[in-house]
N, C-alpha and C. Protein backbone atom coordinates (compact mmCIF):
# COMPACT_ATOMS: atom_id res chain seq x y z
N UNK A 1 269.20 47.48 66.87
CA UNK A 1 270.28 46.43 67.53
C UNK A 1 271.52 46.49 66.83
N UNK A 2 272.71 46.17 67.43
CA UNK A 2 274.04 46.36 66.88
C UNK A 2 274.35 44.93 66.46
N UNK A 3 274.71 44.87 64.89
CA UNK A 3 275.30 43.77 64.63
C UNK A 3 276.43 43.15 65.33
N UNK A 4 276.44 41.89 65.44
CA UNK A 4 277.36 41.15 66.33
C UNK A 4 278.95 41.37 65.78
N UNK A 5 279.07 41.40 64.39
CA UNK A 5 280.36 41.72 64.07
C UNK A 5 280.85 43.10 64.45
N UNK A 6 279.94 44.08 64.41
CA UNK A 6 280.45 45.57 64.72
C UNK A 6 280.86 45.29 66.03
N UNK A 7 280.02 44.69 67.10
CA UNK A 7 280.24 44.83 68.37
C UNK A 7 281.59 43.95 68.67
N UNK A 8 281.95 42.89 68.14
CA UNK A 8 283.18 42.40 68.36
C UNK A 8 284.38 43.12 67.74
N UNK A 9 284.07 43.97 66.56
CA UNK A 9 285.08 44.85 66.30
C UNK A 9 285.47 45.91 67.46
N UNK A 10 284.38 46.37 67.80
CA UNK A 10 284.48 47.52 68.64
C UNK A 10 285.27 47.34 70.03
N UNK A 11 284.82 45.99 70.49
CA UNK A 11 285.26 45.31 71.58
C UNK A 11 286.78 45.27 71.51
N UNK A 12 287.21 44.64 70.32
CA UNK A 12 288.59 44.30 69.89
C UNK A 12 289.35 45.58 69.88
N UNK A 13 288.77 46.66 69.14
CA UNK A 13 289.51 47.94 69.30
C UNK A 13 289.84 48.45 70.50
N UNK A 14 288.81 48.31 71.48
CA UNK A 14 288.83 48.93 72.88
C UNK A 14 289.95 48.16 73.66
N UNK A 15 289.95 46.97 73.52
CA UNK A 15 290.98 46.12 74.13
C UNK A 15 292.44 46.38 73.77
N UNK A 16 292.62 46.70 72.24
CA UNK A 16 293.82 47.05 71.92
C UNK A 16 294.10 48.36 72.48
N UNK A 17 293.51 49.25 72.33
CA UNK A 17 293.57 50.89 72.69
C UNK A 17 294.09 50.77 74.24
N UNK A 18 293.22 50.02 75.09
CA UNK A 18 293.48 49.98 76.53
C UNK A 18 295.00 49.53 76.60
N UNK A 19 295.35 48.51 75.96
CA UNK A 19 296.56 47.65 76.14
C UNK A 19 297.79 48.64 75.92
N UNK A 20 297.45 49.67 74.81
CA UNK A 20 298.56 50.46 74.36
C UNK A 20 298.64 51.58 75.61
N UNK A 21 297.56 51.99 76.12
CA UNK A 21 297.69 52.95 77.11
C UNK A 21 298.04 52.35 78.35
N UNK A 22 297.76 50.99 78.69
CA UNK A 22 298.31 50.55 79.74
C UNK A 22 300.05 50.33 79.73
N UNK A 23 300.48 50.06 78.45
CA UNK A 23 301.96 50.23 78.24
C UNK A 23 302.61 51.43 78.67
N UNK A 24 301.87 52.60 78.31
CA UNK A 24 302.40 53.83 78.58
C UNK A 24 302.31 54.24 80.08
N UNK A 25 301.38 53.44 80.69
CA UNK A 25 301.12 53.93 82.14
C UNK A 25 302.39 53.92 83.00
N UNK A 26 302.40 54.83 84.01
CA UNK A 26 303.72 54.78 84.79
C UNK A 26 303.54 54.22 86.11
N UNK A 27 302.63 54.54 86.85
CA UNK A 27 302.48 53.90 88.00
C UNK A 27 301.69 52.50 88.16
N UNK A 28 301.88 51.90 89.24
CA UNK A 28 301.23 50.75 89.54
C UNK A 28 299.66 50.87 89.44
N UNK A 29 299.12 51.94 90.11
CA UNK A 29 297.85 52.11 90.12
C UNK A 29 297.16 52.40 88.80
N UNK A 30 297.81 53.12 87.79
CA UNK A 30 297.24 53.33 86.51
C UNK A 30 297.29 51.90 85.77
N UNK A 31 298.51 51.21 85.87
CA UNK A 31 298.51 49.97 85.34
C UNK A 31 297.32 48.97 85.87
N UNK A 32 297.21 49.13 87.16
CA UNK A 32 296.21 48.12 87.75
C UNK A 32 294.78 48.42 87.15
N UNK A 33 294.74 49.75 86.91
CA UNK A 33 293.19 50.34 86.51
C UNK A 33 292.93 49.78 85.04
N UNK A 34 294.16 49.99 84.40
CA UNK A 34 294.00 49.43 82.83
C UNK A 34 293.84 47.92 82.79
N UNK A 35 294.47 47.40 83.79
CA UNK A 35 294.28 45.88 83.81
C UNK A 35 293.04 45.39 84.04
N UNK A 36 292.20 45.97 85.00
CA UNK A 36 290.55 45.90 85.11
C UNK A 36 289.94 46.20 83.95
N UNK A 37 290.21 47.00 83.32
CA UNK A 37 289.24 47.35 82.06
C UNK A 37 289.50 46.34 81.12
N UNK A 38 290.92 45.98 80.67
CA UNK A 38 290.98 44.75 79.90
C UNK A 38 290.28 43.55 80.35
N UNK A 39 290.28 43.43 81.57
CA UNK A 39 289.76 42.08 82.14
C UNK A 39 288.25 42.07 81.82
N UNK A 40 287.46 43.23 82.09
CA UNK A 40 286.24 43.29 81.66
C UNK A 40 285.84 43.36 80.20
N UNK A 41 286.56 43.98 79.56
CA UNK A 41 286.14 43.79 78.19
C UNK A 41 286.35 42.52 77.43
N UNK A 42 287.42 41.91 77.99
CA UNK A 42 287.63 40.41 77.80
C UNK A 42 286.41 39.48 77.95
N UNK A 43 286.11 39.90 79.35
CA UNK A 43 284.89 38.98 79.70
C UNK A 43 283.58 39.22 78.74
N UNK A 44 283.51 40.61 78.57
CA UNK A 44 282.44 40.83 77.60
C UNK A 44 282.53 40.34 76.25
N UNK A 45 283.78 40.21 75.77
CA UNK A 45 284.03 39.58 74.34
C UNK A 45 283.57 37.87 74.54
N UNK A 46 284.12 37.28 75.76
CA UNK A 46 283.93 35.96 75.69
C UNK A 46 282.33 35.66 75.86
N UNK A 47 281.45 36.44 76.13
CA UNK A 47 280.19 36.22 76.25
C UNK A 47 279.67 35.90 74.95
N UNK A 48 280.05 36.77 74.01
CA UNK A 48 279.64 36.58 72.64
C UNK A 48 280.25 35.51 71.76
N UNK A 49 281.42 35.33 72.35
CA UNK A 49 282.25 34.19 71.64
C UNK A 49 281.55 32.76 71.82
N UNK A 50 281.18 32.63 73.41
CA UNK A 50 280.49 31.57 73.67
C UNK A 50 279.10 31.27 73.15
N UNK A 51 278.61 32.37 73.10
CA UNK A 51 277.16 32.46 72.41
C UNK A 51 277.32 31.96 70.88
N UNK A 52 278.29 32.46 70.15
CA UNK A 52 278.51 32.08 68.97
C UNK A 52 278.90 30.60 68.81
N UNK A 53 279.66 30.06 69.72
CA UNK A 53 280.15 28.64 69.88
C UNK A 53 279.06 27.90 70.04
N UNK A 54 277.97 28.38 70.96
CA UNK A 54 276.83 27.50 71.31
C UNK A 54 275.80 27.29 69.98
N UNK A 55 275.76 28.38 69.55
CA UNK A 55 275.07 28.63 68.06
C UNK A 55 275.52 27.62 67.10
N UNK A 56 276.61 27.43 66.95
CA UNK A 56 277.28 26.73 65.66
C UNK A 56 276.74 25.21 65.77
N UNK A 57 276.34 24.67 66.99
CA UNK A 57 275.65 23.49 67.04
C UNK A 57 274.38 23.27 66.49
N UNK A 58 273.50 24.31 66.47
CA UNK A 58 272.21 24.40 65.96
C UNK A 58 271.97 24.44 64.45
N UNK A 59 271.06 23.82 64.15
CA UNK A 59 270.52 23.62 62.79
C UNK A 59 269.81 24.97 62.33
N UNK A 60 270.31 25.94 61.74
CA UNK A 60 269.52 27.26 61.63
C UNK A 60 268.34 27.17 60.65
N UNK A 61 268.36 25.85 59.62
CA UNK A 61 267.01 25.89 58.79
C UNK A 61 265.91 25.77 59.62
N UNK A 62 265.96 25.32 60.81
CA UNK A 62 264.78 24.94 61.61
C UNK A 62 264.39 26.53 61.89
N UNK A 63 265.01 27.50 62.14
CA UNK A 63 264.64 28.82 62.58
C UNK A 63 264.06 29.73 61.25
N UNK A 64 264.41 29.12 60.11
CA UNK A 64 263.87 29.89 58.80
C UNK A 64 262.44 29.40 58.42
N UNK A 65 262.00 28.38 58.99
CA UNK A 65 260.67 27.92 58.80
C UNK A 65 259.69 28.70 59.49
């Protein structure tokens, strides 16, 4: 199983790389394709951020027992 930090770092890197490619795109179709990729990557990242936010409210000592 992939560690959450490693997954988040990978998603962040992909988002930054795609944004740089989007900046270099010449046509509207290319920019639109990159935009959709960034949107999907950001949605994926939000799933993990929401999960981490939800888990912050739980007492982790209960899980250790």
